[in-house]
Amino acid sequence: MGILLSITLKDFTQLLSVSESDSYGRYVEGTGSVLQTTEDVQIENVYKSLTSLSQEEKITKLLMLKLRFFTPKEIANLHGFPPEFGFPEKITVKQRYRLLGNSLNVHIVAKLIKILYE
């Protein structure tokens, strides 16, 4: 299986999709973007070196980027939910990701509704 990631930098200035797939369409379904938490490693340098490496070496290279998934709270913030927004405790983390994945940015929806009614 190949690698398919959408990598986002902390400052959101650069988005990069890293795709190296030996079977088109095969990837970890529904993973969404990952956040690169290190600033001293260039994504391009890591990506260019992946083609000639073994799977184990590829993983080692990608670990240098210190990638992690966005938390449900971070995704809610990106969607424009208020800071005090939270899920009931009985909602699992997996359910939170699914619910947020089905949501829209509330600020954009509000503007669209305002335009529609003008």
Protein backbone atom coordinates (compact mmCIF):
# COMPACT_ATOMS: atom_id res chain seq x y z
CA MET A 1 0.00 0.00 0.00
CA GLY A 2 1.23 3.51 -0.84
CA ILE A 3 1.28 6.68 1.18
CA LEU A 4 -1.44 9.32 0.92
CA LEU A 5 -1.34 12.24 3.31
CA SER A 6 -2.53 15.79 3.31
CA ILE A 7 0.05 17.58 5.44
CA THR A 8 -0.66 20.98 7.00
CA LEU A 9 1.92 23.21 8.63
CA LYS A 10 1.26 24.85 11.98
CA ASP A 11 0.86 28.30 10.43
CA PHE A 12 -1.43 26.99 7.62
CA THR A 13 0.73 28.73 5.00
CA GLN A 14 1.42 25.54 3.11
CA LEU A 15 -0.70 22.52 2.37
CA LEU A 16 0.92 19.57 0.66
CA SER A 17 -0.56 16.29 -0.42
CA VAL A 18 2.00 13.53 -0.31
CA SER A 19 0.88 10.69 -2.52
CA GLU A 20 2.90 7.68 -3.49
CA SER A 21 0.50 4.89 -4.29
CA ASP A 22 1.19 1.60 -5.99
CA SER A 23 -2.53 0.97 -6.15
CA TYR A 24 -4.71 3.95 -7.09
CA GLY A 25 -7.37 4.70 -4.50
CA ARG A 26 -5.90 2.58 -1.72
CA TYR A 27 -5.24 4.59 1.42
CA VAL A 28 -6.32 4.84 5.01
CA GLU A 29 -9.90 5.88 4.44
CA GLY A 30 -11.24 8.93 6.22
CA THR A 31 -8.03 9.95 7.95
CA GLY A 32 -8.24 13.60 6.92
CA SER A 33 -5.32 16.00 7.15
CA VAL A 34 -2.39 15.59 9.45
CA LEU A 35 -0.47 18.40 11.11
CA GLN A 36 3.31 18.74 10.78
CA THR A 37 4.48 19.89 14.21
CA THR A 38 8.17 20.31 13.43
CA GLU A 39 9.29 23.47 11.68
CA ASP A 40 12.93 22.57 11.04
CA VAL A 41 12.28 19.85 8.42
CA GLN A 42 11.20 20.70 4.87
CA ILE A 43 8.35 18.51 3.57
CA GLU A 44 9.69 18.71 0.02
CA ASN A 45 13.06 17.25 1.02
CA VAL A 46 11.42 14.33 2.79
CA TYR A 47 8.93 13.72 -0.02
CA LYS A 48 11.58 13.73 -2.78
CA SER A 49 13.61 11.10 -0.96
CA LEU A 50 10.70 8.67 -0.42
CA THR A 51 10.72 7.04 -3.86
CA SER A 52 14.05 5.30 -3.42
CA LEU A 53 13.53 4.08 0.14
CA SER A 54 12.19 0.87 1.68
CA GLN A 55 8.91 0.97 3.64
CA GLU A 56 10.81 1.05 6.94
CA GLU A 57 13.05 3.91 5.73
CA LYS A 58 9.98 5.82 4.48
CA ILE A 59 8.38 5.58 7.91
CA THR A 60 11.60 6.78 9.54
CA LYS A 61 11.71 9.79 7.17
CA LEU A 62 8.05 10.65 7.79
CA LEU A 63 8.58 10.43 11.56
CA MET A 64 11.03 13.34 11.20
CA LEU A 65 8.03 15.55 10.29
CA LYS A 66 6.40 14.82 13.67
CA LEU A 67 2.98 14.35 12.10
CA ARG A 68 -0.20 14.07 14.13
CA PHE A 69 -3.92 14.14 13.47
CA PHE A 70 -5.95 17.23 14.27
CA THR A 71 -7.92 16.82 17.51
CA PRO A 72 -11.72 17.08 17.42
CA LYS A 73 -11.40 20.42 19.27
CA GLU A 74 -9.02 21.79 16.60
CA ILE A 75 -11.36 20.67 13.83
CA ALA A 76 -14.30 22.33 15.58
CA ASN A 77 -12.25 25.54 15.82
CA LEU A 78 -11.46 25.38 12.09
CA HIS A 79 -15.17 24.97 11.39
CA GLY A 80 -15.88 28.14 13.36
CA PHE A 81 -17.51 26.58 16.41
CA PRO A 82 -17.30 28.81 19.51
CA PRO A 83 -14.42 28.15 21.94
CA GLU A 84 -16.81 26.88 24.61
CA PHE A 85 -18.26 24.23 22.27
CA GLY A 86 -17.86 20.68 23.48
CA PHE A 87 -19.36 17.26 22.94
CA PRO A 88 -21.22 15.32 25.62
CA GLU A 89 -18.84 12.92 27.37
CA LYS A 90 -20.73 9.87 26.07
CA ILE A 91 -19.75 10.75 22.45
CA THR A 92 -16.63 8.76 21.53
CA VAL A 93 -13.64 10.34 19.81
CA LYS A 94 -14.45 8.39 16.64
CA GLN A 95 -18.02 9.72 16.70
CA ARG A 96 -16.71 13.27 17.21
CA TYR A 97 -14.52 12.99 14.11
CA ARG A 98 -17.47 11.66 12.10
CA LEU A 99 -19.83 14.39 13.29
CA LEU A 100 -17.31 17.13 12.57
CA GLY A 101 -16.56 15.59 9.19
CA ASN A 102 -20.22 16.04 8.30
CA SER A 103 -20.34 19.67 9.46
CA LEU A 104 -19.77 22.96 7.67
CA ASN A 105 -17.99 26.11 8.73
CA VAL A 106 -20.69 28.01 10.60
CA HIS A 107 -19.37 31.43 9.54
CA ILE A 108 -19.51 30.54 5.85
CA VAL A 109 -23.02 29.08 6.17
CA ALA A 110 -24.19 32.23 7.99
CA LYS A 111 -22.80 34.46 5.22
CA LEU A 112 -24.40 32.32 2.51
CA ILE A 113 -27.79 32.46 4.24
CA LYS A 114 -27.44 36.23 4.60
CA ILE A 115 -26.67 36.57 0.86
CA LEU A 116 -29.61 34.34 -0.07
CA TYR A 117 -32.04 36.48 1.91
CA GLU A 118 -30.79 39.88 0.71
